[in-house]
Amino acid sequence: MHPADPGVPELLARGRIEVEGRLVEASNATLLCSVEHDGVAAECVYKPVRGERPLWDFPDGTLAGREVGSYLVAEALGWPLIPPTLLRDGPFGPGMVQLWVDTEEGSDLVDLAEPVDVPDGWLAVLQAQDHRGEPVVLAHSDHPDLRRLAVLDVVINNADRKGGHVLHAPDGAVFGVDHGVSLNAENKLRTVLWGWIGNRLPDEAVDRVSELRALLEGPLAAELAEHITPKEVQAISARIDRLLDEGVFPEPS
């Protein structure tokens, strides 16, 4: 089932969830499930709140809601960069449910490469050494959706944008996943998507982010307040104001 299918939200909200397995590399309980409703079925990811590991810098039991809040922000931007995501009851209690997205094998948009093998059109982020002491470069594609994802990460203050959290679907669509440690009021931006540091924001990004700023003065703020604190909602507006004032992709603190 494609994320853009209009029936996805109802399927995720009302479908029967059956656990099929667990993604063991995840730090919190992350379950691969099937979901079925009225003869329509798909795979989804279910992260029960009770399976969240406590973090010193995020309130307990809030990670699932932060995933939903990040999805709401992406939708308000008009950028379908996060698979449909909602909060509902499941086999192990309330949790985040998100449509599963298949990926194209061998089409990673973020990778390590030898310095001479960085693909054309990719942006180098940093140089390092591998476990053998050989030089490697962390780089990512200059894909326009990846650039939009970098802007979204600044807005939601994503503290965990790993390369593995960027999905490249078979139809070419780009999605970001794992946004449980986002939307904190304190600056916690941690990402591999630093290839555009100092570049001016595209006009499209300026327009979309400006529109989002206006929406935060209306019902969107109330929707987000169901998942994060009022201070954290206000911090989104503050980050947008700073981003628009500077007009460029930020650099690490």
C-alpha atoms as a PDB file:
ATOM      1  CA  MET A   1       0.000   0.000   0.000  1.00  0.00           C
ATOM      2  CA  HIS A   2       1.448   3.380  -0.990  1.00  0.00           C
ATOM      3  CA  PRO A   3       1.749   6.075   1.713  1.00  0.00           C
ATOM      4  CA  ALA A   4      -0.214   8.501  -0.490  1.00  0.00           C
ATOM      5  CA  ASP A   5      -3.225   6.170  -0.676  1.00  0.00           C
ATOM      6  CA  PRO A   6      -6.155   8.048   0.921  1.00  0.00           C
ATOM      7  CA  GLY A   7      -7.280   4.885   2.710  1.00  0.00           C
ATOM      8  CA  VAL A   8      -4.086   4.557   4.752  1.00  0.00           C
ATOM      9  CA  PRO A   9      -5.138   6.694   7.769  1.00  0.00           C
ATOM     10  CA  GLU A  10      -8.370   4.750   8.277  1.00  0.00           C
ATOM     11  CA  LEU A  11      -6.555   1.442   7.873  1.00  0.00           C
ATOM     12  CA  LEU A  12      -3.976   2.405  10.492  1.00  0.00           C
ATOM     13  CA  ALA A  13      -6.569   3.837  12.871  1.00  0.00           C
ATOM     14  CA  ARG A  14      -9.201   1.109  12.684  1.00  0.00           C
ATOM     15  CA  GLY A  15      -7.413  -1.980  11.415  1.00  0.00           C
ATOM     16  CA  ARG A  16      -6.660  -5.075  13.455  1.00  0.00           C
ATOM     17  CA  ILE A  17      -2.970  -5.213  14.319  1.00  0.00           C
ATOM     18  CA  GLU A  18      -1.123  -8.540  14.409  1.00  0.00           C
ATOM     19  CA  VAL A  19       2.496  -8.629  15.537  1.00  0.00           C
ATOM     20  CA  GLU A  20       4.759 -10.436  13.070  1.00  0.00           C
ATOM     21  CA  GLY A  21       8.196  -9.744  14.517  1.00  0.00           C
ATOM     22  CA  ARG A  22      10.522  -7.306  16.210  1.00  0.00           C
ATOM     23  CA  LEU A  23      13.185  -5.038  14.711  1.00  0.00           C
ATOM     24  CA  VAL A  24      15.959  -5.997  17.107  1.00  0.00           C
ATOM     25  CA  GLU A  25      18.409  -3.261  16.102  1.00  0.00           C
ATOM     26  CA  ALA A  26      16.058  -0.559  17.421  1.00  0.00           C
ATOM     27  CA  SER A  27      16.784   0.878  20.877  1.00  0.00           C
ATOM     28  CA  ASN A  28      13.080   0.926  21.809  1.00  0.00           C
ATOM     29  CA  ALA A  29      10.510  -1.816  21.275  1.00  0.00           C
ATOM     30  CA  THR A  30       9.772  -1.642  17.540  1.00  0.00           C
ATOM     31  CA  LEU A  31       7.381  -4.248  16.210  1.00  0.00           C
ATOM     32  CA  LEU A  32       6.693  -5.155  12.598  1.00  0.00           C
ATOM     33  CA  CYS A  33       2.987  -5.836  12.246  1.00  0.00           C
ATOM     34  CA  SER A  34       0.242  -6.501   9.772  1.00  0.00           C
ATOM     35  CA  VAL A  35      -2.859  -4.334   9.880  1.00  0.00           C
ATOM     36  CA  GLU A  36      -6.161  -5.300   8.210  1.00  0.00           C
ATOM     37  CA  HIS A  37      -9.516  -3.571   7.860  1.00  0.00           C
ATOM     38  CA  ASP A  38     -12.434  -4.340   5.551  1.00  0.00           C
ATOM     39  CA  GLY A  39     -10.346  -6.651   3.392  1.00  0.00           C
ATOM     40  CA  VAL A  40      -7.510  -4.130   2.985  1.00  0.00           C
ATOM     41  CA  ALA A  41      -4.161  -5.064   4.515  1.00  0.00           C
ATOM     42  CA  ALA A  42      -0.684  -3.599   4.837  1.00  0.00           C
ATOM     43  CA  GLU A  43       2.403  -3.792   7.024  1.00  0.00           C
ATOM     44  CA  CYS A  44       3.115  -1.248   9.696  1.00  0.00           C
ATOM     45  CA  VAL A  45       5.520  -0.423  12.494  1.00  0.00           C
ATOM     46  CA  TYR A  46       4.086  -0.351  16.009  1.00  0.00           C
ATOM     47  CA  LYS A  47       6.049   1.193  18.881  1.00  0.00           C
ATOM     48  CA  PRO A  48       4.204   0.736  22.187  1.00  0.00           C
ATOM     49  CA  VAL A  49       4.768   3.440  24.784  1.00  0.00           C
ATOM     50  CA  ARG A  50       5.468   0.770  27.399  1.00  0.00           C
ATOM     51  CA  GLY A  51       8.478  -0.334  25.317  1.00  0.00           C
ATOM     52  CA  GLU A  52      10.203   3.056  25.385  1.00  0.00           C
ATOM     53  CA  ARG A  53      13.525   3.201  27.217  1.00  0.00           C
ATOM     54  CA  PRO A  54      13.823   6.147  29.638  1.00  0.00           C
ATOM     55  CA  LEU A  55      15.986   9.050  28.433  1.00  0.00           C
ATOM     56  CA  TRP A  56      17.519  11.723  30.636  1.00  0.00           C
ATOM     57  CA  ASP A  57      16.601  14.588  28.288  1.00  0.00           C
ATOM     58  CA  PHE A  58      13.088  13.575  27.144  1.00  0.00           C
ATOM     59  CA  PRO A  59      10.088  12.998  29.429  1.00  0.00           C
ATOM     60  CA  ASP A  60       9.150   9.347  29.864  1.00  0.00           C
ATOM     61  CA  GLY A  61       6.383   8.014  27.669  1.00  0.00           C
ATOM     62  CA  THR A  62       6.482  10.856  25.116  1.00  0.00           C
ATOM     63  CA  LEU A  63       8.445   9.369  22.209  1.00  0.00           C
ATOM     64  CA  ALA A  64       5.421   7.932  20.401  1.00  0.00           C
ATOM     65  CA  GLY A  65       3.684  11.293  20.560  1.00  0.00           C
ATOM     66  CA  ARG A  66       6.780  13.025  19.188  1.00  0.00           C
ATOM     67  CA  GLU A  67       6.690  10.722  16.176  1.00  0.00           C
ATOM     68  CA  VAL A  68       3.096  11.773  15.548  1.00  0.00           C
ATOM     69  CA  GLY A  69       3.932  15.440  16.106  1.00  0.00           C
ATOM     70  CA  SER A  70       6.770  15.253  13.579  1.00  0.00           C
ATOM     71  CA  TYR A  71       4.371  13.732  11.047  1.00  0.00           C
ATOM     72  CA  LEU A  72       1.877  16.538  11.644  1.00  0.00           C
ATOM     73  CA  VAL A  73       4.582  19.142  11.002  1.00  0.00           C
ATOM     74  CA  ALA A  74       5.685  17.442   7.775  1.00  0.00           C
ATOM     75  CA  GLU A  75       2.087  17.298   6.566  1.00  0.00           C
ATOM     76  CA  ALA A  76       1.556  20.964   7.442  1.00  0.00           C
ATOM     77  CA  LEU A  77       4.620  21.796   5.349  1.00  0.00           C
ATOM     78  CA  GLY A  78       3.042  19.970   2.439  1.00  0.00           C
ATOM     79  CA  TRP A  79       5.992  17.609   2.247  1.00  0.00           C
ATOM     80  CA  PRO A  80       4.987  13.907   2.516  1.00  0.00           C
ATOM     81  CA  LEU A  81       8.383  12.982   3.929  1.00  0.00           C
ATOM     82  CA  ILE A  82       7.161  10.897   6.874  1.00  0.00           C
ATOM     83  CA  PRO A  83       4.955   7.834   6.332  1.00  0.00           C
ATOM     84  CA  PRO A  84       1.400   8.154   7.731  1.00  0.00           C
ATOM     85  CA  THR A  85       1.735   8.021  11.515  1.00  0.00           C
ATOM     86  CA  LEU A  86      -0.787   8.048  14.341  1.00  0.00           C
ATOM     87  CA  LEU A  87      -1.256   7.187  17.999  1.00  0.00           C
ATOM     88  CA  ARG A  88      -3.628   4.369  18.906  1.00  0.00           C
ATOM     89  CA  ASP A  89      -4.133   1.358  21.100  1.00  0.00           C
ATOM     90  CA  GLY A  90      -2.419  -1.843  20.021  1.00  0.00           C
ATOM     91  CA  PRO A  91      -1.581  -5.356  21.257  1.00  0.00           C
ATOM     92  CA  PHE A  92       0.692  -3.930  23.982  1.00  0.00           C
ATOM     93  CA  GLY A  93      -1.248  -0.790  24.766  1.00  0.00           C
ATOM     94  CA  PRO A  94      -1.089   2.731  23.310  1.00  0.00           C
ATOM     95  CA  GLY A  95       1.679   3.377  20.849  1.00  0.00           C
ATOM     96  CA  MET A  96       2.769   4.853  17.565  1.00  0.00           C
ATOM     97  CA  VAL A  97       1.616   3.114  14.393  1.00  0.00           C
ATOM     98  CA  GLN A  98       3.281   3.993  11.087  1.00  0.00           C
ATOM     99  CA  LEU A  99       2.875   2.553   7.626  1.00  0.00           C
ATOM    100  CA  TRP A 100       5.781   0.327   6.629  1.00  0.00           C
ATOM    101  CA  VAL A 101       7.721   1.569   3.588  1.00  0.00           C
ATOM    102  CA  ASP A 102       9.651  -0.844   1.382  1.00  0.00           C
ATOM    103  CA  THR A 103      13.048   0.333   0.164  1.00  0.00           C
ATOM    104  CA  GLU A 104      14.960  -0.129  -3.064  1.00  0.00           C
ATOM    105  CA  GLU A 105      17.954  -2.392  -2.451  1.00  0.00           C
ATOM    106  CA  GLY A 106      21.266  -0.662  -3.130  1.00  0.00           C
ATOM    107  CA  SER A 107      19.742   2.819  -3.343  1.00  0.00           C
ATOM    108  CA  ASP A 108      20.989   4.346  -0.086  1.00  0.00           C
ATOM    109  CA  LEU A 109      21.056   8.144  -0.100  1.00  0.00           C
ATOM    110  CA  VAL A 110      23.573   8.382   2.764  1.00  0.00           C
ATOM    111  CA  ASP A 111      26.720   6.273   2.807  1.00  0.00           C
ATOM    112  CA  LEU A 112      30.412   5.898   3.574  1.00  0.00           C
ATOM    113  CA  ALA A 113      32.765   5.791   0.605  1.00  0.00           C
ATOM    114  CA  GLU A 114      36.438   5.920  -0.183  1.00  0.00           C
ATOM    115  CA  PRO A 115      37.449   9.511  -1.033  1.00  0.00           C
ATOM    116  CA  VAL A 116      37.862   8.671  -4.731  1.00  0.00           C
ATOM    117  CA  ASP A 117      34.536   6.842  -4.874  1.00  0.00           C
ATOM    118  CA  VAL A 118      32.095   9.526  -3.692  1.00  0.00           C
ATOM    119  CA  PRO A 119      29.299   9.393  -6.311  1.00  0.00           C
ATOM    120  CA  ASP A 120      28.836  12.312  -8.668  1.00  0.00           C
ATOM    121  CA  GLY A 121      26.233  14.717  -7.374  1.00  0.00           C
ATOM    122  CA  TRP A 122      26.819  13.749  -3.741  1.00  0.00           C
ATOM    123  CA  LEU A 123      27.875  16.105  -0.961  1.00  0.00           C
ATOM    124  CA  ALA A 124      30.712  15.261   1.421  1.00  0.00           C
ATOM    125  CA  VAL A 125      29.953  15.805   5.099  1.00  0.00           C
ATOM    126  CA  LEU A 126      33.161  14.741   6.836  1.00  0.00           C
ATOM    127  CA  GLN A 127      36.308  12.678   6.482  1.00  0.00           C
ATOM    128  CA  ALA A 128      37.184   9.900   8.878  1.00  0.00           C
ATOM    129  CA  GLN A 129      38.962   6.559   9.157  1.00  0.00           C
ATOM    130  CA  ASP A 130      37.400   3.125   9.122  1.00  0.00           C
ATOM    131  CA  HIS A 131      38.265   0.322  11.542  1.00  0.00           C
ATOM    132  CA  ARG A 132      41.386  -0.469   9.485  1.00  0.00           C
ATOM    133  CA  GLY A 133      42.590   3.115   9.565  1.00  0.00           C
ATOM    134  CA  GLU A 134      41.723   3.684   5.904  1.00  0.00           C
ATOM    135  CA  PRO A 135      40.279   7.083   4.899  1.00  0.00           C
ATOM    136  CA  VAL A 136      36.537   7.254   4.278  1.00  0.00           C
ATOM    137  CA  VAL A 137      34.086  10.028   3.535  1.00  0.00           C
ATOM    138  CA  LEU A 138      30.575  10.352   4.923  1.00  0.00           C
ATOM    139  CA  ALA A 139      28.459  11.743   2.098  1.00  0.00           C
ATOM    140  CA  HIS A 140      24.868  12.012   0.998  1.00  0.00           C
ATOM    141  CA  SER A 141      22.952  12.636  -2.188  1.00  0.00           C
ATOM    142  CA  ASP A 142      21.912  16.121  -3.320  1.00  0.00           C
ATOM    143  CA  HIS A 143      18.404  14.737  -3.836  1.00  0.00           C
ATOM    144  CA  PRO A 144      15.781  17.526  -3.523  1.00  0.00           C
ATOM    145  CA  ASP A 145      13.650  15.477  -1.115  1.00  0.00           C
ATOM    146  CA  LEU A 146      16.688  14.875   1.067  1.00  0.00           C
ATOM    147  CA  ARG A 147      17.222  18.645   1.107  1.00  0.00           C
ATOM    148  CA  ARG A 148      13.604  19.093   2.201  1.00  0.00           C
ATOM    149  CA  LEU A 149      14.171  16.459   4.902  1.00  0.00           C
ATOM    150  CA  ALA A 150      17.146  18.476   6.180  1.00  0.00           C
ATOM    151  CA  VAL A 151      14.898  21.527   6.485  1.00  0.00           C
ATOM    152  CA  LEU A 152      12.242  19.490   8.275  1.00  0.00           C
ATOM    153  CA  ASP A 153      14.870  18.205  10.714  1.00  0.00           C
ATOM    154  CA  VAL A 154      15.833  21.773  11.621  1.00  0.00           C
ATOM    155  CA  VAL A 155      12.194  22.689  12.215  1.00  0.00           C
ATOM    156  CA  ILE A 156      11.420  19.643  14.382  1.00  0.00           C
ATOM    157  CA  ASN A 157      14.852  19.711  16.053  1.00  0.00           C
ATOM    158  CA  ASN A 158      15.560  16.093  15.169  1.00  0.00           C
ATOM    159  CA  ALA A 159      18.118  14.623  17.554  1.00  0.00           C
ATOM    160  CA  ASP A 160      18.629  11.358  15.671  1.00  0.00           C
ATOM    161  CA  ARG A 161      18.886  11.624  11.874  1.00  0.00           C
ATOM    162  CA  LYS A 162      21.005   8.604  11.042  1.00  0.00           C
ATOM    163  CA  GLY A 163      21.588   7.416   7.499  1.00  0.00           C
ATOM    164  CA  GLY A 164      19.499   4.356   8.287  1.00  0.00           C
ATOM    165  CA  HIS A 165      16.572   6.616   9.109  1.00  0.00           C
ATOM    166  CA  VAL A 166      16.379   7.760   5.479  1.00  0.00           C
ATOM    167  CA  LEU A 167      14.353   5.458   3.225  1.00  0.00           C
ATOM    168  CA  HIS A 168      14.439   5.462  -0.584  1.00  0.00           C
ATOM    169  CA  ALA A 169      11.297   3.761  -1.883  1.00  0.00           C
ATOM    170  CA  PRO A 170      11.223   1.793  -5.170  1.00  0.00           C
ATOM    171  CA  ASP A 171       9.205   4.580  -6.835  1.00  0.00           C
ATOM    172  CA  GLY A 172      11.915   7.118  -5.940  1.00  0.00           C
ATOM    173  CA  ALA A 173      10.100   8.709  -2.995  1.00  0.00           C
ATOM    174  CA  VAL A 174      12.174   9.646   0.050  1.00  0.00           C
ATOM    175  CA  PHE A 175      10.952   9.170   3.622  1.00  0.00           C
ATOM    176  CA  GLY A 176      12.373   9.834   7.062  1.00  0.00           C
ATOM    177  CA  VAL A 177      11.546   7.579  10.009  1.00  0.00           C
ATOM    178  CA  ASP A 178      12.325   7.340  13.737  1.00  0.00           C
ATOM    179  CA  HIS A 179      11.427  10.806  15.016  1.00  0.00           C
ATOM    180  CA  GLY A 180      10.848   9.881  18.658  1.00  0.00           C
ATOM    181  CA  VAL A 181      13.588  12.201  19.911  1.00  0.00           C
ATOM    182  CA  SER A 182      12.397  15.305  18.109  1.00  0.00           C
ATOM    183  CA  LEU A 183      10.562  18.502  19.077  1.00  0.00           C
ATOM    184  CA  ASN A 184      12.514  19.222  22.260  1.00  0.00           C
ATOM    185  CA  ALA A 185      12.582  22.875  23.301  1.00  0.00           C
ATOM    186  CA  GLU A 186      16.380  22.765  23.727  1.00  0.00           C
ATOM    187  CA  ASN A 187      18.686  22.678  20.704  1.00  0.00           C
ATOM    188  CA  LYS A 188      19.422  19.005  20.031  1.00  0.00           C
ATOM    189  CA  LEU A 189      19.816  18.849  16.250  1.00  0.00           C
ATOM    190  CA  ARG A 190      21.943  15.779  15.473  1.00  0.00           C
ATOM    191  CA  THR A 191      22.016  14.704  11.851  1.00  0.00           C
ATOM    192  CA  VAL A 192      24.143  13.333   9.032  1.00  0.00           C
ATOM    193  CA  LEU A 193      22.534  15.749   6.558  1.00  0.00           C
ATOM    194  CA  TRP A 194      25.085  18.564   6.773  1.00  0.00           C
ATOM    195  CA  GLY A 195      25.948  18.766   3.077  1.00  0.00           C
ATOM    196  CA  TRP A 196      24.204  22.114   2.515  1.00  0.00           C
ATOM    197  CA  ILE A 197      25.774  24.081   5.395  1.00  0.00           C
ATOM    198  CA  GLY A 198      25.697  27.802   4.609  1.00  0.00           C
ATOM    199  CA  ASN A 199      23.699  27.372   1.391  1.00  0.00           C
ATOM    200  CA  ARG A 200      20.712  29.641   0.974  1.00  0.00           C
ATOM    201  CA  LEU A 201      17.345  28.031   1.619  1.00  0.00           C
ATOM    202  CA  PRO A 202      15.484  27.292  -1.623  1.00  0.00           C
ATOM    203  CA  ASP A 203      12.570  29.634  -2.307  1.00  0.00           C
ATOM    204  CA  GLU A 204      10.189  26.699  -1.957  1.00  0.00           C
ATOM    205  CA  ALA A 205      11.489  25.976   1.538  1.00  0.00           C
ATOM    206  CA  VAL A 206      11.145  29.621   2.561  1.00  0.00           C
ATOM    207  CA  ASP A 207       7.553  29.676   1.333  1.00  0.00           C
ATOM    208  CA  ARG A 208       6.569  26.392   2.981  1.00  0.00           C
ATOM    209  CA  VAL A 209       8.226  27.204   6.299  1.00  0.00           C
ATOM    210  CA  SER A 210       6.627  30.663   6.333  1.00  0.00           C
ATOM    211  CA  GLU A 211       3.221  29.078   5.785  1.00  0.00           C
ATOM    212  CA  LEU A 212       3.911  26.627   8.614  1.00  0.00           C
ATOM    213  CA  ARG A 213       4.761  29.541  10.911  1.00  0.00           C
ATOM    214  CA  ALA A 214       1.344  31.021  10.214  1.00  0.00           C
ATOM    215  CA  LEU A 215      -0.403  27.691  10.799  1.00  0.00           C
ATOM    216  CA  LEU A 216       1.205  27.476  14.232  1.00  0.00           C
ATOM    217  CA  GLU A 217      -0.939  30.442  15.243  1.00  0.00           C
ATOM    218  CA  GLY A 218      -4.067  28.360  14.617  1.00  0.00           C
ATOM    219  CA  PRO A 219      -5.435  24.806  15.091  1.00  0.00           C
ATOM    220  CA  LEU A 220      -2.100  23.128  14.322  1.00  0.00           C
ATOM    221  CA  ALA A 221      -0.744  24.306  17.671  1.00  0.00           C
ATOM    222  CA  ALA A 222      -3.641  22.620  19.456  1.00  0.00           C
ATOM    223  CA  GLU A 223      -3.062  19.393  17.524  1.00  0.00           C
ATOM    224  CA  LEU A 224       0.604  19.389  18.459  1.00  0.00           C
ATOM    225  CA  ALA A 225      -0.193  20.205  22.099  1.00  0.00           C
ATOM    226  CA  GLU A 226      -1.820  16.767  22.346  1.00  0.00           C
ATOM    227  CA  HIS A 227       1.658  15.256  21.964  1.00  0.00           C
ATOM    228  CA  ILE A 228       4.217  17.817  23.215  1.00  0.00           C
ATOM    229  CA  THR A 229       4.270  20.629  25.760  1.00  0.00           C
ATOM    230  CA  PRO A 230       3.163  24.216  25.004  1.00  0.00           C
ATOM    231  CA  LYS A 231       6.787  25.306  25.465  1.00  0.00           C
ATOM    232  CA  GLU A 232       7.869  22.817  22.818  1.00  0.00           C
ATOM    233  CA  VAL A 233       5.172  24.061  20.439  1.00  0.00           C
ATOM    234  CA  GLN A 234       6.418  27.626  20.927  1.00  0.00           C
ATOM    235  CA  ALA A 235       9.961  26.444  20.298  1.00  0.00           C
ATOM    236  CA  ILE A 236       8.953  25.291  16.794  1.00  0.00           C
ATOM    237  CA  SER A 237       7.925  28.865  15.982  1.00  0.00           C
ATOM    238  CA  ALA A 238      11.183  30.183  17.445  1.00  0.00           C
ATOM    239  CA  ARG A 239      13.252  27.788  15.323  1.00  0.00           C
ATOM    240  CA  ILE A 240      11.320  28.807  12.211  1.00  0.00           C
ATOM    241  CA  ASP A 241      11.869  32.500  12.945  1.00  0.00           C
ATOM    242  CA  ARG A 242      15.600  31.921  13.362  1.00  0.00           C
ATOM    243  CA  LEU A 243      15.805  29.823  10.199  1.00  0.00           C
ATOM    244  CA  LEU A 244      13.978  32.446   8.139  1.00  0.00           C
ATOM    245  CA  ASP A 245      16.031  35.300   9.608  1.00  0.00           C
ATOM    246  CA  GLU A 246      19.318  33.569   8.731  1.00  0.00           C
ATOM    247  CA  GLY A 247      18.030  32.279   5.390  1.00  0.00           C
ATOM    248  CA  VAL A 248      20.616  29.498   5.145  1.00  0.00           C
ATOM    249  CA  PHE A 249      21.081  25.893   6.192  1.00  0.00           C
ATOM    250  CA  PRO A 250      22.562  25.969   9.705  1.00  0.00           C
ATOM    251  CA  GLU A 251      25.810  24.422  10.843  1.00  0.00           C
ATOM    252  CA  PRO A 252      26.411  22.247  13.914  1.00  0.00           C
ATOM    253  CA  SER A 253      26.614  24.076  17.239  1.00  0.00           C
END
